[in-house]
């Protein structure tokens, strides 16, 4: 295993604290996916280890003068480590945000093109509907013309048959009178 990555147990033994204490401090880290080793055990990066060390290392009761100077140095180092860790986390969040925004931009472009295509199809459908309506009106007018022509021709036939029919009727009546 790499020296840079340590398991929770290894870090707890090194700091002489319980695994639960380490896990408690891990909760205060960001909720990103944790790295695991080949056995599936969670491992901590150097930044995470430094952050946990800064939280776990508490000064013991020694001489205050030595501790004050040491504390100031370790506080500066700890603050710097925490600062670096937070900056790296912030950079990662920014990268993820930029990726998500790029994906959303592509999705919006796709939606815009789909909307334009749907609008075009709707316009075509409206034009076709209008053409169909005009054609139906033309067909209706043509049918009316044909009906009026057939009615006129029927009327002409009836008038011609009426004029012929009475003559033949008279002839028939004459014929019947003979008997």
N, C-alpha and C. Protein backbone atom coordinates (compact mmCIF):
# COMPACT_ATOMS: atom_id res chain seq x y z
N UNK A 1 0.85 -1.17 0.00
CA UNK A 1 0.00 0.00 0.00
C UNK A 1 0.89 1.23 0.00
N UNK A 2 0.44 2.25 -0.60
CA UNK A 2 1.22 3.48 -0.70
C UNK A 2 1.35 4.13 0.67
N UNK A 3 2.48 4.82 0.88
CA UNK A 3 2.70 5.52 2.15
C UNK A 3 1.76 6.71 2.27
N UNK A 4 1.34 7.26 1.15
CA UNK A 4 0.47 8.44 1.18
C UNK A 4 -0.94 8.10 1.68
N UNK A 5 -1.42 6.92 1.36
CA UNK A 5 -2.78 6.54 1.74
C UNK A 5 -2.74 5.65 2.97
N UNK A 6 -3.59 5.97 3.93
CA UNK A 6 -3.67 5.16 5.14
C UNK A 6 -5.12 4.82 5.41
N UNK A 7 -5.30 3.65 6.02
CA UNK A 7 -6.64 3.26 6.42
C UNK A 7 -7.01 3.98 7.72
N UNK A 8 -8.25 3.89 8.07
CA UNK A 8 -8.72 4.51 9.31
C UNK A 8 -8.02 3.89 10.51
N UNK A 9 -7.84 2.57 10.48
CA UNK A 9 -7.18 1.88 11.59
C UNK A 9 -5.72 2.33 11.72
N UNK A 10 -5.01 2.42 10.60
CA UNK A 10 -3.60 2.83 10.66
C UNK A 10 -3.47 4.25 11.21
N UNK A 11 -4.33 5.14 10.77
CA UNK A 11 -4.27 6.52 11.25
C UNK A 11 -4.64 6.58 12.73
N UNK A 12 -5.62 5.78 13.14
CA UNK A 12 -6.01 5.76 14.56
C UNK A 12 -4.87 5.26 15.43
N UNK A 13 -4.15 4.23 14.99
CA UNK A 13 -3.02 3.71 15.75
C UNK A 13 -1.89 4.73 15.80
N UNK A 14 -1.67 5.40 14.69
CA UNK A 14 -0.60 6.40 14.65
C UNK A 14 -0.88 7.56 15.58
N UNK A 15 -2.14 7.99 15.64
CA UNK A 15 -2.51 9.12 16.49
C UNK A 15 -2.88 8.70 17.91
N UNK A 16 -2.93 7.38 18.14
CA UNK A 16 -3.27 6.83 19.44
C UNK A 16 -4.67 7.26 19.88
N UNK A 17 -5.61 7.11 18.96
CA UNK A 17 -7.03 7.36 19.26
C UNK A 17 -7.84 6.20 18.70
N UNK A 18 -9.13 6.21 19.00
CA UNK A 18 -9.98 5.12 18.53
C UNK A 18 -10.40 5.36 17.07
N UNK A 19 -10.82 4.27 16.42
CA UNK A 19 -11.30 4.38 15.04
C UNK A 19 -12.55 5.26 15.00
N UNK A 20 -13.38 5.19 16.04
CA UNK A 20 -14.59 6.00 16.08
C UNK A 20 -14.27 7.49 16.08
N UNK A 21 -13.19 7.86 16.75
CA UNK A 21 -12.79 9.27 16.77
C UNK A 21 -12.40 9.72 15.36
N UNK A 22 -11.68 8.86 14.66
CA UNK A 22 -11.29 9.19 13.28
C UNK A 22 -12.54 9.30 12.40
N UNK A 23 -13.45 8.35 12.55
CA UNK A 23 -14.68 8.38 11.75
C UNK A 23 -15.51 9.61 12.06
N UNK A 24 -15.50 10.04 13.31
CA UNK A 24 -16.22 11.25 13.68
C UNK A 24 -15.67 12.46 12.93
N UNK A 25 -14.36 12.55 12.83
CA UNK A 25 -13.75 13.68 12.13
C UNK A 25 -13.90 13.55 10.62
N UNK A 26 -14.01 12.34 10.12
CA UNK A 26 -14.23 12.15 8.67
C UNK A 26 -15.58 12.73 8.27
N UNK A 27 -16.54 12.68 9.18
CA UNK A 27 -17.86 13.24 8.89
C UNK A 27 -17.80 14.73 8.59
N UNK A 28 -16.84 15.44 9.17
CA UNK A 28 -16.74 16.87 8.94
C UNK A 28 -16.08 17.18 7.60
N UNK A 29 -15.50 16.17 6.93
CA UNK A 29 -14.96 16.36 5.59
C UNK A 29 -16.11 16.42 4.60
N UNK A 30 -15.80 16.84 3.40
CA UNK A 30 -16.86 16.92 2.39
C UNK A 30 -17.37 15.52 2.06
N UNK A 31 -18.57 15.45 1.55
CA UNK A 31 -19.21 14.16 1.27
C UNK A 31 -18.86 13.65 -0.12
N UNK A 32 -17.62 13.63 -0.44
CA UNK A 32 -17.24 13.07 -1.73
C UNK A 32 -17.02 11.56 -1.58
N UNK A 33 -16.94 10.89 -2.68
CA UNK A 33 -16.74 9.44 -2.65
C UNK A 33 -15.35 9.13 -2.12
N UNK A 34 -15.27 8.27 -1.17
CA UNK A 34 -14.00 7.93 -0.53
C UNK A 34 -13.24 6.91 -1.39
N UNK A 35 -11.93 7.02 -1.34
CA UNK A 35 -11.08 6.07 -2.05
C UNK A 35 -11.04 4.77 -1.25
N UNK A 36 -10.90 3.66 -1.97
CA UNK A 36 -10.76 2.36 -1.31
C UNK A 36 -9.55 1.66 -1.91
N UNK A 37 -8.98 0.77 -1.12
CA UNK A 37 -7.85 0.00 -1.63
C UNK A 37 -8.38 -1.24 -2.35
N UNK A 38 -7.47 -2.12 -2.73
CA UNK A 38 -7.87 -3.31 -3.49
C UNK A 38 -8.74 -4.27 -2.68
N UNK A 39 -8.72 -4.15 -1.36
CA UNK A 39 -9.55 -4.99 -0.50
C UNK A 39 -10.90 -4.35 -0.21
N UNK A 40 -11.09 -3.13 -0.68
CA UNK A 40 -12.35 -2.43 -0.44
C UNK A 40 -12.38 -1.64 0.85
N UNK A 41 -11.23 -1.46 1.48
CA UNK A 41 -11.15 -0.72 2.74
C UNK A 41 -10.93 0.75 2.41
N UNK A 42 -11.62 1.62 3.14
CA UNK A 42 -11.51 3.06 2.91
C UNK A 42 -10.12 3.53 3.29
N UNK A 43 -9.50 4.32 2.38
CA UNK A 43 -8.19 4.90 2.66
C UNK A 43 -8.30 6.41 2.59
N UNK A 44 -7.45 7.08 3.33
CA UNK A 44 -7.49 8.54 3.43
C UNK A 44 -6.28 9.14 2.73
N UNK A 45 -6.51 10.23 1.99
CA UNK A 45 -5.40 10.91 1.31
C UNK A 45 -4.61 11.72 2.33
N UNK A 46 -3.47 12.28 1.87
CA UNK A 46 -2.62 13.07 2.76
C UNK A 46 -3.38 14.29 3.30
N UNK A 47 -4.13 14.94 2.44
CA UNK A 47 -4.87 16.12 2.88
C UNK A 47 -5.89 15.76 3.94
N UNK A 48 -6.59 14.66 3.73
CA UNK A 48 -7.56 14.22 4.72
C UNK A 48 -6.88 13.82 6.03
N UNK A 49 -5.74 13.16 5.92
CA UNK A 49 -5.00 12.77 7.13
C UNK A 49 -4.56 14.00 7.91
N UNK A 50 -4.05 15.01 7.22
CA UNK A 50 -3.61 16.23 7.89
C UNK A 50 -4.78 16.94 8.55
N UNK A 51 -5.91 16.96 7.87
CA UNK A 51 -7.09 17.59 8.43
C UNK A 51 -7.51 16.88 9.72
N UNK A 52 -7.52 15.54 9.68
CA UNK A 52 -7.91 14.77 10.87
C UNK A 52 -6.87 14.93 11.97
N UNK A 53 -5.58 14.93 11.60
CA UNK A 53 -4.53 15.16 12.60
C UNK A 53 -4.74 16.49 13.31
N UNK A 54 -5.08 17.51 12.54
CA UNK A 54 -5.26 18.83 13.15
C UNK A 54 -6.44 18.83 14.13
N UNK A 55 -7.42 18.01 13.87
CA UNK A 55 -8.57 17.94 14.77
C UNK A 55 -8.29 17.06 15.99
N UNK A 56 -7.51 16.01 15.80
CA UNK A 56 -7.28 15.05 16.88
C UNK A 56 -6.16 15.49 17.80
N UNK A 57 -5.11 16.04 17.26
CA UNK A 57 -3.96 16.44 18.10
C UNK A 57 -4.37 17.55 19.05
N UNK A 58 -4.45 17.22 20.29
CA UNK A 58 -4.74 18.20 21.34
C UNK A 58 -3.52 18.29 22.24
N UNK A 59 -3.15 19.49 22.64
CA UNK A 59 -1.96 19.63 23.49
C UNK A 59 -2.17 18.96 24.84
N UNK A 60 -1.12 18.29 25.29
CA UNK A 60 -1.16 17.69 26.62
C UNK A 60 -0.59 18.70 27.60
N UNK A 61 -0.71 18.43 28.88
CA UNK A 61 -0.25 19.38 29.90
C UNK A 61 1.26 19.29 30.05
N UNK A 62 1.97 20.13 29.31
CA UNK A 62 3.42 20.27 29.41
C UNK A 62 3.69 21.72 29.75
N UNK A 63 4.91 22.08 29.66
CA UNK A 63 5.25 23.46 29.96
C UNK A 63 4.59 24.37 28.95
N UNK A 64 4.02 25.46 29.44
CA UNK A 64 3.24 26.33 28.58
C UNK A 64 4.10 27.08 27.59
N UNK A 65 5.31 27.39 27.95
CA UNK A 65 6.15 28.17 27.04
C UNK A 65 6.50 27.36 25.80
N UNK A 66 6.89 26.13 25.98
CA UNK A 66 7.20 25.27 24.84
C UNK A 66 5.96 25.00 24.02
N UNK A 67 4.88 24.78 24.71
CA UNK A 67 3.62 24.49 24.02
C UNK A 67 3.13 25.70 23.24
N UNK A 68 3.29 26.86 23.79
CA UNK A 68 2.80 28.04 23.11
C UNK A 68 3.53 28.23 21.80
N UNK A 69 4.84 28.09 21.82
CA UNK A 69 5.60 28.25 20.58
C UNK A 69 5.28 27.11 19.61
N UNK A 70 5.24 25.91 20.15
CA UNK A 70 4.90 24.76 19.31
C UNK A 70 3.47 24.87 18.79
N UNK A 71 2.56 25.29 19.67
CA UNK A 71 1.16 25.43 19.28
C UNK A 71 1.00 26.46 18.17
N UNK A 72 1.70 27.56 18.27
CA UNK A 72 1.60 28.58 17.24
C UNK A 72 2.08 28.03 15.91
N UNK A 73 3.19 27.27 15.94
CA UNK A 73 3.70 26.70 14.69
C UNK A 73 2.75 25.65 14.14
N UNK A 74 2.28 24.77 15.02
CA UNK A 74 1.37 23.74 14.54
C UNK A 74 0.03 24.34 14.12
N UNK A 75 -0.42 25.39 14.81
CA UNK A 75 -1.66 26.05 14.40
C UNK A 75 -1.51 26.63 13.00
N UNK A 76 -0.38 27.27 12.74
CA UNK A 76 -0.14 27.83 11.41
C UNK A 76 -0.10 26.73 10.37
N UNK A 77 0.62 25.65 10.69
CA UNK A 77 0.70 24.53 9.76
C UNK A 77 -0.67 23.90 9.56
N UNK A 78 -1.39 23.72 10.62
CA UNK A 78 -2.72 23.13 10.55
C UNK A 78 -3.65 24.00 9.73
N UNK A 79 -3.62 25.30 10.02
CA UNK A 79 -4.47 26.21 9.27
C UNK A 79 -4.10 26.19 7.79
N UNK A 80 -2.80 26.14 7.51
CA UNK A 80 -2.36 26.10 6.12
C UNK A 80 -2.82 24.81 5.45
N UNK A 81 -2.72 23.67 6.15
CA UNK A 81 -3.15 22.40 5.61
C UNK A 81 -4.67 22.41 5.37
N UNK A 82 -5.40 22.91 6.33
CA UNK A 82 -6.86 22.98 6.16
C UNK A 82 -7.19 23.89 5.00
N UNK A 83 -6.48 25.00 4.92
CA UNK A 83 -6.70 25.95 3.83
C UNK A 83 -6.45 25.29 2.48
N UNK A 84 -5.34 24.58 2.36
CA UNK A 84 -5.02 23.89 1.11
C UNK A 84 -6.06 22.82 0.78
N UNK A 85 -6.49 22.10 1.80
CA UNK A 85 -7.50 21.07 1.59
C UNK A 85 -8.80 21.69 1.08
N UNK A 86 -9.22 22.77 1.72
CA UNK A 86 -10.46 23.42 1.31
C UNK A 86 -10.35 24.02 -0.09
N UNK A 87 -9.19 24.56 -0.43
CA UNK A 87 -9.01 25.10 -1.78
C UNK A 87 -9.09 23.99 -2.81
N UNK A 88 -8.48 22.85 -2.53
CA UNK A 88 -8.55 21.73 -3.48
C UNK A 88 -9.99 21.22 -3.62
N UNK A 89 -10.71 21.17 -2.52
CA UNK A 89 -12.11 20.75 -2.59
C UNK A 89 -12.94 21.76 -3.39
N UNK A 90 -12.68 23.04 -3.18
CA UNK A 90 -13.39 24.08 -3.90
C UNK A 90 -13.11 24.00 -5.40
N UNK A 91 -11.86 23.75 -5.77
CA UNK A 91 -11.51 23.59 -7.18
C UNK A 91 -12.24 22.40 -7.80
N UNK A 92 -12.33 21.32 -7.04
CA UNK A 92 -13.03 20.14 -7.54
C UNK A 92 -14.52 20.44 -7.75
N UNK A 93 -15.11 21.16 -6.82
CA UNK A 93 -16.53 21.54 -6.94
C UNK A 93 -16.73 22.43 -8.16
N UNK A 94 -15.80 23.36 -8.39
CA UNK A 94 -15.90 24.24 -9.56
C UNK A 94 -15.82 23.44 -10.85
N UNK A 95 -14.90 22.48 -10.90
CA UNK A 95 -14.78 21.65 -12.10
C UNK A 95 -16.07 20.88 -12.36
N UNK A 96 -16.63 20.31 -11.31
CA UNK A 96 -17.88 19.56 -11.46
C UNK A 96 -19.01 20.49 -11.92
N UNK A 97 -19.03 21.70 -11.35
CA UNK A 97 -20.06 22.67 -11.75
C UNK A 97 -19.92 23.02 -13.22
N UNK A 98 -18.68 23.25 -13.67
CA UNK A 98 -18.45 23.59 -15.07
C UNK A 98 -18.88 22.46 -15.99
N UNK A 99 -18.60 21.23 -15.59
CA UNK A 99 -19.02 20.08 -16.39
C UNK A 99 -20.54 20.01 -16.47
N UNK A 100 -21.19 20.19 -15.34
CA UNK A 100 -22.64 20.14 -15.31
C UNK A 100 -23.25 21.25 -16.16
N UNK A 101 -22.66 22.44 -16.09
CA UNK A 101 -23.17 23.55 -16.90
C UNK A 101 -23.00 23.27 -18.39
N UNK A 102 -21.89 22.66 -18.76
CA UNK A 102 -21.68 22.33 -20.17
C UNK A 102 -22.72 21.32 -20.64
N UNK A 103 -23.01 20.34 -19.79
CA UNK A 103 -24.04 19.34 -20.14
C UNK A 103 -25.41 20.02 -20.27
N UNK A 104 -25.72 20.90 -19.36
CA UNK A 104 -27.01 21.61 -19.41
C UNK A 104 -27.10 22.49 -20.65
N UNK A 105 -26.00 23.13 -21.03
CA UNK A 105 -25.99 23.96 -22.24
C UNK A 105 -26.28 23.11 -23.48
N UNK A 106 -25.68 21.93 -23.54
CA UNK A 106 -25.93 21.03 -24.67
C UNK A 106 -27.39 20.60 -24.68
N UNK A 107 -27.93 20.30 -23.52
CA UNK A 107 -29.33 19.89 -23.44
C UNK A 107 -30.25 21.02 -23.90
N UNK A 108 -29.93 22.25 -23.50
CA UNK A 108 -30.75 23.38 -23.93
C UNK A 108 -30.67 23.59 -25.44
N UNK A 109 -29.49 23.42 -26.02
CA UNK A 109 -29.36 23.54 -27.48
C UNK A 109 -30.19 22.47 -28.17
N UNK A 110 -30.17 21.25 -27.66
CA UNK A 110 -30.99 20.18 -28.23
C UNK A 110 -32.47 20.53 -28.14
N UNK A 111 -32.88 21.03 -27.00
CA UNK A 111 -34.29 21.38 -26.83
C UNK A 111 -34.69 22.51 -27.78
N UNK A 112 -33.80 23.50 -27.96
CA UNK A 112 -34.10 24.59 -28.88
C UNK A 112 -34.27 24.08 -30.30
N UNK A 113 -33.39 23.17 -30.72
CA UNK A 113 -33.52 22.62 -32.08
C UNK A 113 -34.78 21.78 -32.20
N UNK A 114 -35.14 21.06 -31.16
CA UNK A 114 -36.37 20.27 -31.20
C UNK A 114 -37.59 21.17 -31.27
N UNK A 115 -37.57 22.26 -30.54
CA UNK A 115 -38.69 23.20 -30.57
C UNK A 115 -38.82 23.81 -31.96
N UNK A 116 -37.69 24.19 -32.57
CA UNK A 116 -37.73 24.76 -33.92
C UNK A 116 -38.28 23.75 -34.92
N UNK A 117 -37.87 22.51 -34.78
CA UNK A 117 -38.36 21.46 -35.68
C UNK A 117 -39.86 21.24 -35.47
N UNK A 118 -40.31 21.23 -34.24
CA UNK A 118 -41.74 21.05 -33.96
C UNK A 118 -42.55 22.22 -34.52
N UNK A 119 -42.02 23.44 -34.42
CA UNK A 119 -42.70 24.61 -34.96
C UNK A 119 -42.82 24.50 -36.48
N UNK A 120 -41.76 24.03 -37.12
CA UNK A 120 -41.78 23.85 -38.57
C UNK A 120 -42.83 22.81 -38.97
N UNK A 121 -42.86 21.70 -38.24
CA UNK A 121 -43.85 20.66 -38.53
C UNK A 121 -45.27 21.17 -38.31
N UNK A 122 -45.47 21.97 -37.29
CA UNK A 122 -46.79 22.53 -37.03
C UNK A 122 -47.21 23.46 -38.16
N UNK A 123 -46.29 24.28 -38.65
CA UNK A 123 -46.59 25.16 -39.78
C UNK A 123 -46.97 24.36 -41.02
N UNK A 124 -46.22 23.30 -41.29
CA UNK A 124 -46.53 22.45 -42.44
C UNK A 124 -47.91 21.82 -42.30
N UNK A 125 -48.21 21.36 -41.10
CA UNK A 125 -49.51 20.73 -40.87
C UNK A 125 -50.63 21.74 -41.09
N UNK A 126 -50.44 22.97 -40.64
CA UNK A 126 -51.47 23.99 -40.83
C UNK A 126 -51.65 24.31 -42.30
N UNK A 127 -50.56 24.38 -43.06
CA UNK A 127 -50.67 24.64 -44.50
C UNK A 127 -51.43 23.53 -45.20
N UNK A 128 -51.09 22.28 -44.85
CA UNK A 128 -51.78 21.14 -45.46
C UNK A 128 -53.27 21.14 -45.12
N UNK A 129 -53.59 21.47 -43.90
CA UNK A 129 -54.99 21.52 -43.49
C UNK A 129 -55.74 22.59 -44.28
N UNK A 130 -55.12 23.73 -44.49
CA UNK A 130 -55.74 24.80 -45.27
C UNK A 130 -55.93 24.37 -46.72
N UNK A 131 -54.94 23.69 -47.30
CA UNK A 131 -55.08 23.18 -48.66
C UNK A 131 -56.22 22.18 -48.76
N UNK A 132 -56.31 21.29 -47.78
CA UNK A 132 -57.40 20.30 -47.77
C UNK A 132 -58.76 20.99 -47.70
N UNK A 133 -58.85 22.01 -46.90
CA UNK A 133 -60.11 22.73 -46.76
C UNK A 133 -60.50 23.39 -48.08
N UNK A 134 -59.54 24.02 -48.76
CA UNK A 134 -59.82 24.65 -50.05
C UNK A 134 -60.27 23.61 -51.08
N UNK A 135 -59.56 22.46 -51.09
CA UNK A 135 -59.93 21.41 -52.04
C UNK A 135 -61.33 20.89 -51.76
N UNK A 136 -61.69 20.73 -50.49
CA UNK A 136 -63.04 20.28 -50.15
C UNK A 136 -64.09 21.28 -50.63
N UNK A 137 -63.81 22.56 -50.46
CA UNK A 137 -64.74 23.57 -50.93
C UNK A 137 -64.89 23.52 -52.44
N UNK A 138 -63.77 23.32 -53.16
CA UNK A 138 -63.83 23.20 -54.61
C UNK A 138 -64.64 21.98 -55.02
N UNK A 139 -64.41 20.86 -54.33
CA UNK A 139 -65.17 19.65 -54.64
C UNK A 139 -66.66 19.84 -54.38
N UNK A 140 -66.99 20.50 -53.30
CA UNK A 140 -68.40 20.76 -53.00
C UNK A 140 -69.03 21.61 -54.10
N UNK A 141 -68.30 22.66 -54.53
CA UNK A 141 -68.83 23.51 -55.60
C UNK A 141 -69.00 22.72 -56.88
N UNK A 142 -68.05 21.85 -57.19
CA UNK A 142 -68.12 21.02 -58.40
C UNK A 142 -69.29 20.05 -58.31
N UNK A 143 -69.50 19.48 -57.15
CA UNK A 143 -70.62 18.55 -56.97
C UNK A 143 -71.94 19.28 -57.14
N UNK A 144 -72.03 20.48 -56.60
CA UNK A 144 -73.25 21.27 -56.76
C UNK A 144 -73.52 21.57 -58.23
N UNK A 145 -72.46 21.91 -58.97
CA UNK A 145 -72.62 22.16 -60.41
C UNK A 145 -73.11 20.92 -61.13
N UNK A 146 -72.53 19.77 -60.79
CA UNK A 146 -72.95 18.52 -61.42
C UNK A 146 -74.40 18.19 -61.07
N UNK A 147 -74.78 18.42 -59.83
CA UNK A 147 -76.16 18.16 -59.43
C UNK A 147 -77.13 19.05 -60.20
N UNK A 148 -76.77 20.31 -60.33
CA UNK A 148 -77.66 21.22 -61.05
C UNK A 148 -77.74 20.83 -62.52
N UNK A 149 -76.65 20.37 -63.11
CA UNK A 149 -76.68 19.93 -64.50
C UNK A 149 -77.54 18.69 -64.67
N UNK A 150 -77.41 17.74 -63.75
CA UNK A 150 -78.21 16.52 -63.86
C UNK A 150 -79.68 16.82 -63.62
N UNK A 151 -79.98 17.75 -62.73
CA UNK A 151 -81.38 18.12 -62.52
C UNK A 151 -81.96 18.77 -63.77
N UNK A 152 -81.21 19.62 -64.42
CA UNK A 152 -81.67 20.28 -65.65
C UNK A 152 -81.88 19.26 -66.75
N UNK A 153 -80.97 18.30 -66.85
CA UNK A 153 -81.13 17.29 -67.90
C UNK A 153 -82.33 16.40 -67.61
N UNK A 154 -82.59 16.08 -66.34
CA UNK A 154 -83.78 15.29 -65.98
C UNK A 154 -85.05 16.08 -66.27
N UNK A 155 -85.02 17.34 -65.98
CA UNK A 155 -86.18 18.17 -66.26
C UNK A 155 -86.45 18.24 -67.76
N UNK A 156 -85.41 18.36 -68.53
CA UNK A 156 -85.56 18.39 -69.99
C UNK A 156 -86.11 17.07 -70.51
N UNK A 157 -85.63 15.97 -69.99
CA UNK A 157 -86.13 14.66 -70.40
C UNK A 157 -87.60 14.50 -70.03
N UNK A 158 -87.92 14.96 -68.82
CA UNK A 158 -89.32 14.82 -68.39
C UNK A 158 -90.24 15.68 -69.24
N UNK A 159 -89.82 16.88 -69.53
CA UNK A 159 -90.67 17.74 -70.36
C UNK A 159 -90.79 17.17 -71.76
N UNK A 160 -89.75 16.59 -72.28
CA UNK A 160 -89.83 16.01 -73.62
C UNK A 160 -90.68 14.75 -73.60
N UNK A 161 -90.60 13.98 -72.56
CA UNK A 161 -91.42 12.76 -72.49
C UNK A 161 -92.87 13.12 -72.23
N UNK A 162 -93.10 14.19 -71.52
CA UNK A 162 -94.48 14.61 -71.27
C UNK A 162 -95.13 15.07 -72.57
N UNK A 163 -94.40 15.76 -73.33
CA UNK A 163 -94.97 16.22 -74.60
C UNK A 163 -95.20 15.05 -75.55
N UNK A 164 -94.37 14.05 -75.56
CA UNK A 164 -94.55 12.88 -76.42
C UNK A 164 -95.63 11.96 -75.86
N UNK A 165 -95.66 11.84 -74.61
CA UNK A 165 -96.55 10.88 -73.98
C UNK A 165 -98.03 11.21 -74.23
N UNK A 166 -98.45 12.43 -74.14
CA UNK A 166 -99.87 12.67 -74.40
C UNK A 166 -100.28 12.31 -75.82
N UNK A 167 -99.48 12.47 -76.78
CA UNK A 167 -99.83 12.10 -78.15
C UNK A 167 -100.03 10.61 -78.24
N UNK A 168 -99.14 9.90 -77.67
CA UNK A 168 -99.28 8.45 -77.72
C UNK A 168 -100.49 8.03 -76.90
N UNK A 169 -100.78 8.80 -75.91
CA UNK A 169 -101.94 8.47 -75.09
C UNK A 169 -103.23 8.67 -75.90
N UNK A 170 -103.22 9.72 -76.62
CA UNK A 170 -104.38 9.95 -77.47
C UNK A 170 -104.52 8.86 -78.51
N UNK A 171 -103.37 8.46 -79.03
CA UNK A 171 -103.40 7.38 -80.01
C UNK A 171 -103.91 6.11 -79.38
N UNK A 172 -103.53 5.85 -78.18
CA UNK A 172 -103.99 4.65 -77.50
C UNK A 172 -105.48 4.76 -77.20
N UNK A 173 -105.85 5.92 -76.81
CA UNK A 173 -107.28 6.08 -76.54
C UNK A 173 -108.09 5.87 -77.81
N UNK A 174 -107.58 6.34 -78.86
CA UNK A 174 -108.27 6.14 -80.13
C UNK A 174 -108.32 4.67 -80.46
N UNK A 175 -107.31 4.02 -80.27
CA UNK A 175 -107.27 2.61 -80.57
C UNK A 175 -108.25 1.86 -79.70
N UNK A 176 -108.36 2.26 -78.43
CA UNK A 176 -109.25 1.57 -77.53
C UNK A 176 -110.71 1.85 -77.89
N UNK A 177 -110.92 2.98 -78.48
CA UNK A 177 -112.31 3.30 -78.85
C UNK A 177 -112.81 2.36 -79.94
N UNK A 178 -111.94 1.85 -80.70
CA UNK A 178 -112.34 0.95 -81.74
C UNK A 178 -112.90 -0.35 -81.16
N UNK A 179 -112.57 -0.75 -80.18
CA UNK A 179 -113.06 -2.01 -79.62
C UNK A 179 -114.27 -1.72 -78.86
